[in-house]
Amino acid sequence: MSYQLCRWYDPYPRLAFALKLLYLAPGGVQAKVARELQRFLEEQWGTSQARKALQEVRSKARGNRWYDEDYETAQTVELLKNSPESLKSRVADTLLEILVAQSA
């Protein structure tokens, strides 16, 4: 039996690990990290591209995923999901750095 990748971030092991840590973080920490990560994505991807992606996300209905519980976290994760492939690995490192800083 082979393992099937089922989540959009499964092909990115560091990102999957960072998102798992974000999932395990308390709600207040999740919200702070989401805001910082959203700023990072806007800086790296470009504010206009990020805003365009967020407009598309807003039109979609909320799901039953762990990050849908907080609107800002859901927006940030969806923004990350729709970001360019080249940005996903840098985001994973940045997300880990932010989480470590929040836990200190």
N, C-alpha and C. Protein backbone atom coordinates (compact mmCIF):
# COMPACT_ATOMS: atom_id res chain seq x y z
N MET A 1 0.85 -1.17 0.00
CA MET A 1 0.00 0.00 0.00
C MET A 1 0.90 1.24 0.00
N SER A 2 0.58 2.19 -0.84
CA SER A 2 1.39 3.40 -0.91
C SER A 2 0.63 4.55 -0.26
N TYR A 3 1.40 5.51 0.21
CA TYR A 3 0.84 6.69 0.85
C TYR A 3 0.38 7.68 -0.21
N GLN A 4 -0.85 8.12 -0.11
CA GLN A 4 -1.40 9.09 -1.05
C GLN A 4 -1.34 10.48 -0.42
N LEU A 5 -0.84 11.43 -1.17
CA LEU A 5 -0.85 12.81 -0.71
C LEU A 5 -2.28 13.33 -0.84
N CYS A 6 -2.83 13.82 0.26
CA CYS A 6 -4.22 14.23 0.19
C CYS A 6 -4.44 15.71 0.49
N ARG A 7 -3.50 16.36 1.14
CA ARG A 7 -3.65 17.79 1.44
C ARG A 7 -2.76 18.58 0.49
N TRP A 8 -3.14 19.82 0.23
CA TRP A 8 -2.39 20.62 -0.74
C TRP A 8 -0.95 20.84 -0.32
N TYR A 9 -0.66 20.80 0.99
CA TYR A 9 0.70 21.08 1.46
C TYR A 9 1.52 19.80 1.71
N ASP A 10 0.97 18.64 1.48
CA ASP A 10 1.72 17.39 1.69
C ASP A 10 2.99 17.29 0.84
N PRO A 11 3.04 17.81 -0.39
CA PRO A 11 4.27 17.73 -1.17
C PRO A 11 5.41 18.60 -0.62
N TYR A 12 5.14 19.42 0.38
CA TYR A 12 6.13 20.31 0.97
C TYR A 12 6.31 19.92 2.44
N PRO A 13 7.23 19.00 2.74
CA PRO A 13 7.35 18.48 4.11
C PRO A 13 7.61 19.54 5.18
N ARG A 14 8.48 20.51 4.91
CA ARG A 14 8.75 21.56 5.91
C ARG A 14 7.51 22.42 6.14
N LEU A 15 6.81 22.72 5.08
CA LEU A 15 5.59 23.51 5.20
C LEU A 15 4.52 22.71 5.95
N ALA A 16 4.40 21.43 5.66
CA ALA A 16 3.43 20.59 6.37
C ALA A 16 3.76 20.55 7.86
N PHE A 17 5.05 20.46 8.19
CA PHE A 17 5.47 20.45 9.59
C PHE A 17 5.15 21.79 10.26
N ALA A 18 5.45 22.88 9.58
CA ALA A 18 5.18 24.21 10.14
C ALA A 18 3.68 24.44 10.33
N LEU A 19 2.87 24.00 9.38
CA LEU A 19 1.43 24.15 9.52
C LEU A 19 0.88 23.27 10.65
N LYS A 20 1.49 22.11 10.85
CA LYS A 20 1.07 21.26 11.98
C LYS A 20 1.38 21.96 13.31
N LEU A 21 2.54 22.59 13.40
CA LEU A 21 2.87 23.35 14.61
C LEU A 21 1.90 24.51 14.80
N LEU A 22 1.54 25.17 13.72
CA LEU A 22 0.57 26.26 13.80
C LEU A 22 -0.77 25.73 14.28
N TYR A 23 -1.15 24.58 13.79
CA TYR A 23 -2.40 23.94 14.22
C TYR A 23 -2.40 23.66 15.71
N LEU A 24 -1.26 23.24 16.24
CA LEU A 24 -1.15 22.89 17.65
C LEU A 24 -1.01 24.11 18.56
N ALA A 25 -0.71 25.26 17.99
CA ALA A 25 -0.53 26.49 18.77
C ALA A 25 -1.89 26.97 19.31
N PRO A 26 -1.87 27.64 20.47
CA PRO A 26 -3.12 28.23 20.99
C PRO A 26 -3.70 29.25 20.02
N GLY A 27 -5.00 29.48 20.11
CA GLY A 27 -5.71 30.37 19.18
C GLY A 27 -5.12 31.76 19.07
N GLY A 28 -4.73 32.35 20.20
CA GLY A 28 -4.15 33.69 20.17
C GLY A 28 -2.84 33.72 19.41
N VAL A 29 -2.04 32.69 19.58
CA VAL A 29 -0.76 32.59 18.87
C VAL A 29 -1.03 32.38 17.39
N GLN A 30 -2.00 31.56 17.06
CA GLN A 30 -2.34 31.33 15.66
C GLN A 30 -2.68 32.65 14.97
N ALA A 31 -3.48 33.47 15.62
CA ALA A 31 -3.89 34.74 15.02
C ALA A 31 -2.70 35.68 14.82
N LYS A 32 -1.82 35.77 15.82
CA LYS A 32 -0.62 36.63 15.69
C LYS A 32 0.27 36.15 14.56
N VAL A 33 0.49 34.84 14.52
CA VAL A 33 1.35 34.26 13.49
C VAL A 33 0.73 34.47 12.10
N ALA A 34 -0.58 34.32 12.01
CA ALA A 34 -1.27 34.51 10.73
C ALA A 34 -1.07 35.94 10.22
N ARG A 35 -1.17 36.92 11.11
CA ARG A 35 -0.97 38.32 10.70
C ARG A 35 0.46 38.55 10.20
N GLU A 36 1.43 38.03 10.95
CA GLU A 36 2.83 38.20 10.52
C GLU A 36 3.10 37.48 9.21
N LEU A 37 2.56 36.30 9.07
CA LEU A 37 2.77 35.53 7.85
C LEU A 37 2.10 36.20 6.66
N GLN A 38 0.95 36.78 6.87
CA GLN A 38 0.27 37.48 5.78
C GLN A 38 1.10 38.68 5.33
N ARG A 39 1.68 39.42 6.26
CA ARG A 39 2.55 40.54 5.89
C ARG A 39 3.76 40.04 5.08
N PHE A 40 4.34 38.93 5.52
CA PHE A 40 5.49 38.36 4.81
C PHE A 40 5.08 37.97 3.38
N LEU A 41 3.94 37.32 3.24
CA LEU A 41 3.48 36.92 1.91
C LEU A 41 3.26 38.13 1.01
N GLU A 42 2.69 39.18 1.56
CA GLU A 42 2.46 40.38 0.77
C GLU A 42 3.78 41.01 0.34
N GLU A 43 4.77 41.01 1.24
CA GLU A 43 6.09 41.57 0.88
C GLU A 43 6.76 40.75 -0.20
N GLN A 44 6.73 39.44 -0.07
CA GLN A 44 7.45 38.56 -0.98
C GLN A 44 6.73 38.36 -2.32
N TRP A 45 5.44 38.26 -2.25
CA TRP A 45 4.65 37.95 -3.44
C TRP A 45 4.24 39.21 -4.18
N GLY A 46 4.11 40.28 -3.43
CA GLY A 46 3.63 41.53 -4.00
C GLY A 46 2.22 41.78 -3.49
N THR A 47 2.01 42.97 -3.02
CA THR A 47 0.73 43.31 -2.40
C THR A 47 -0.43 43.15 -3.37
N SER A 48 -0.25 43.55 -4.61
CA SER A 48 -1.37 43.46 -5.56
C SER A 48 -1.74 42.01 -5.86
N GLN A 49 -0.74 41.15 -6.02
CA GLN A 49 -1.01 39.74 -6.27
C GLN A 49 -1.70 39.11 -5.06
N ALA A 50 -1.21 39.45 -3.87
CA ALA A 50 -1.79 38.90 -2.64
C ALA A 50 -3.22 39.37 -2.48
N ARG A 51 -3.48 40.64 -2.72
CA ARG A 51 -4.85 41.17 -2.60
C ARG A 51 -5.79 40.50 -3.59
N LYS A 52 -5.30 40.27 -4.79
CA LYS A 52 -6.12 39.60 -5.81
C LYS A 52 -6.47 38.19 -5.35
N ALA A 53 -5.50 37.48 -4.80
CA ALA A 53 -5.75 36.12 -4.31
C ALA A 53 -6.72 36.14 -3.14
N LEU A 54 -6.60 37.13 -2.25
CA LEU A 54 -7.51 37.23 -1.11
C LEU A 54 -8.94 37.52 -1.56
N GLN A 55 -9.11 38.30 -2.61
CA GLN A 55 -10.45 38.56 -3.13
C GLN A 55 -11.11 37.27 -3.60
N GLU A 56 -10.31 36.40 -4.23
CA GLU A 56 -10.83 35.11 -4.69
C GLU A 56 -11.20 34.23 -3.51
N VAL A 57 -10.40 34.28 -2.45
CA VAL A 57 -10.65 33.46 -1.27
C VAL A 57 -11.93 33.90 -0.57
N ARG A 58 -12.17 35.18 -0.50
CA ARG A 58 -13.36 35.71 0.20
C ARG A 58 -14.66 35.22 -0.41
N SER A 59 -14.64 34.93 -1.71
CA SER A 59 -15.86 34.50 -2.37
C SER A 59 -16.19 33.03 -2.10
N LYS A 60 -15.22 32.28 -1.58
CA LYS A 60 -15.45 30.86 -1.31
C LYS A 60 -16.07 30.68 0.08
N ALA A 61 -16.88 29.64 0.20
CA ALA A 61 -17.50 29.34 1.48
C ALA A 61 -16.47 28.73 2.43
N ARG A 62 -16.69 28.95 3.71
CA ARG A 62 -15.80 28.37 4.71
C ARG A 62 -16.00 26.86 4.77
N GLY A 63 -14.92 26.16 5.08
CA GLY A 63 -14.98 24.70 5.15
C GLY A 63 -14.87 24.21 6.58
N ASN A 64 -14.52 22.97 6.70
CA ASN A 64 -14.39 22.33 8.01
C ASN A 64 -12.93 22.07 8.37
N ARG A 65 -12.04 22.82 7.79
CA ARG A 65 -10.61 22.62 8.07
C ARG A 65 -10.26 23.33 9.36
N TRP A 66 -9.16 22.90 10.00
CA TRP A 66 -8.78 23.47 11.29
C TRP A 66 -8.58 24.97 11.21
N TYR A 67 -8.06 25.46 10.10
CA TYR A 67 -7.76 26.88 10.00
C TYR A 67 -8.97 27.73 9.64
N ASP A 68 -10.10 27.11 9.36
CA ASP A 68 -11.32 27.87 9.06
C ASP A 68 -11.99 28.43 10.31
N GLU A 69 -11.54 28.02 11.47
CA GLU A 69 -12.15 28.51 12.71
C GLU A 69 -11.90 30.01 12.92
N ASP A 70 -10.76 30.49 12.44
CA ASP A 70 -10.43 31.92 12.55
C ASP A 70 -10.33 32.47 11.13
N TYR A 71 -11.09 33.52 10.86
CA TYR A 71 -11.16 34.08 9.51
C TYR A 71 -9.79 34.52 9.00
N GLU A 72 -9.03 35.20 9.85
CA GLU A 72 -7.73 35.72 9.43
C GLU A 72 -6.74 34.57 9.14
N THR A 73 -6.78 33.55 9.97
CA THR A 73 -5.92 32.38 9.73
C THR A 73 -6.33 31.69 8.44
N ALA A 74 -7.62 31.57 8.22
CA ALA A 74 -8.10 30.93 6.99
C ALA A 74 -7.65 31.71 5.76
N GLN A 75 -7.75 33.04 5.83
CA GLN A 75 -7.29 33.87 4.71
C GLN A 75 -5.81 33.66 4.44
N THR A 76 -5.02 33.65 5.52
CA THR A 76 -3.58 33.52 5.36
C THR A 76 -3.20 32.17 4.77
N VAL A 77 -3.81 31.10 5.26
CA VAL A 77 -3.49 29.77 4.74
C VAL A 77 -3.94 29.65 3.29
N GLU A 78 -5.09 30.21 2.95
CA GLU A 78 -5.54 30.18 1.56
C GLU A 78 -4.61 31.01 0.67
N LEU A 79 -4.13 32.13 1.19
CA LEU A 79 -3.17 32.94 0.45
C LEU A 79 -1.90 32.15 0.20
N LEU A 80 -1.45 31.46 1.22
CA LEU A 80 -0.27 30.60 1.08
C LEU A 80 -0.52 29.49 0.06
N LYS A 81 -1.68 28.89 0.14
CA LYS A 81 -2.04 27.81 -0.78
C LYS A 81 -1.97 28.28 -2.24
N ASN A 82 -2.40 29.50 -2.49
CA ASN A 82 -2.44 30.03 -3.85
C ASN A 82 -1.17 30.76 -4.26
N SER A 83 -0.18 30.78 -3.39
CA SER A 83 1.08 31.48 -3.70
C SER A 83 1.92 30.66 -4.68
N PRO A 84 2.88 31.30 -5.32
CA PRO A 84 3.75 30.59 -6.27
C PRO A 84 4.54 29.48 -5.58
N GLU A 85 4.85 28.44 -6.33
CA GLU A 85 5.60 27.29 -5.80
C GLU A 85 6.93 27.72 -5.19
N SER A 86 7.59 28.66 -5.82
CA SER A 86 8.90 29.10 -5.34
C SER A 86 8.83 29.78 -3.97
N LEU A 87 7.68 30.27 -3.61
CA LEU A 87 7.51 30.98 -2.34
C LEU A 87 7.20 30.04 -1.18
N LYS A 88 6.67 28.88 -1.46
CA LYS A 88 6.22 27.97 -0.39
C LYS A 88 7.35 27.50 0.53
N SER A 89 8.52 27.23 0.00
CA SER A 89 9.62 26.79 0.86
C SER A 89 10.14 27.92 1.74
N ARG A 90 10.18 29.13 1.20
CA ARG A 90 10.59 30.28 2.02
C ARG A 90 9.57 30.57 3.11
N VAL A 91 8.32 30.40 2.80
CA VAL A 91 7.26 30.62 3.78
C VAL A 91 7.38 29.61 4.91
N ALA A 92 7.71 28.39 4.59
CA ALA A 92 7.86 27.36 5.63
C ALA A 92 8.93 27.78 6.64
N ASP A 93 10.07 28.23 6.17
CA ASP A 93 11.14 28.68 7.06
C ASP A 93 10.71 29.89 7.88
N THR A 94 10.05 30.83 7.24
CA THR A 94 9.58 32.02 7.94
C THR A 94 8.52 31.67 8.98
N LEU A 95 7.62 30.78 8.62
CA LEU A 95 6.58 30.36 9.56
C LEU A 95 7.21 29.70 10.78
N LEU A 96 8.20 28.86 10.58
CA LEU A 96 8.89 28.23 11.72
C LEU A 96 9.58 29.28 12.59
N GLU A 97 10.22 30.26 11.97
CA GLU A 97 10.89 31.33 12.72
C GLU A 97 9.88 32.12 13.56
N ILE A 98 8.75 32.44 12.97
CA ILE A 98 7.72 33.20 13.69
C ILE A 98 7.19 32.39 14.86
N LEU A 99 6.94 31.10 14.65
CA LEU A 99 6.43 30.26 15.73
C LEU A 99 7.43 30.14 16.88
N VAL A 100 8.71 30.02 16.54
CA VAL A 100 9.73 29.95 17.59
C VAL A 100 9.78 31.25 18.37
N ALA A 101 9.70 32.37 17.67
CA ALA A 101 9.73 33.67 18.32
C ALA A 101 8.51 33.85 19.23
N GLN A 102 7.36 33.36 18.82
CA GLN A 102 6.15 33.48 19.64
C GLN A 102 6.19 32.60 20.87
N SER A 103 6.90 31.48 20.78
CA SER A 103 6.95 30.57 21.93
C SER A 103 7.99 30.99 22.96
N ALA A 104 8.89 31.90 22.57
CA ALA A 104 9.94 32.33 23.50
C ALA A 104 9.44 33.34 24.51
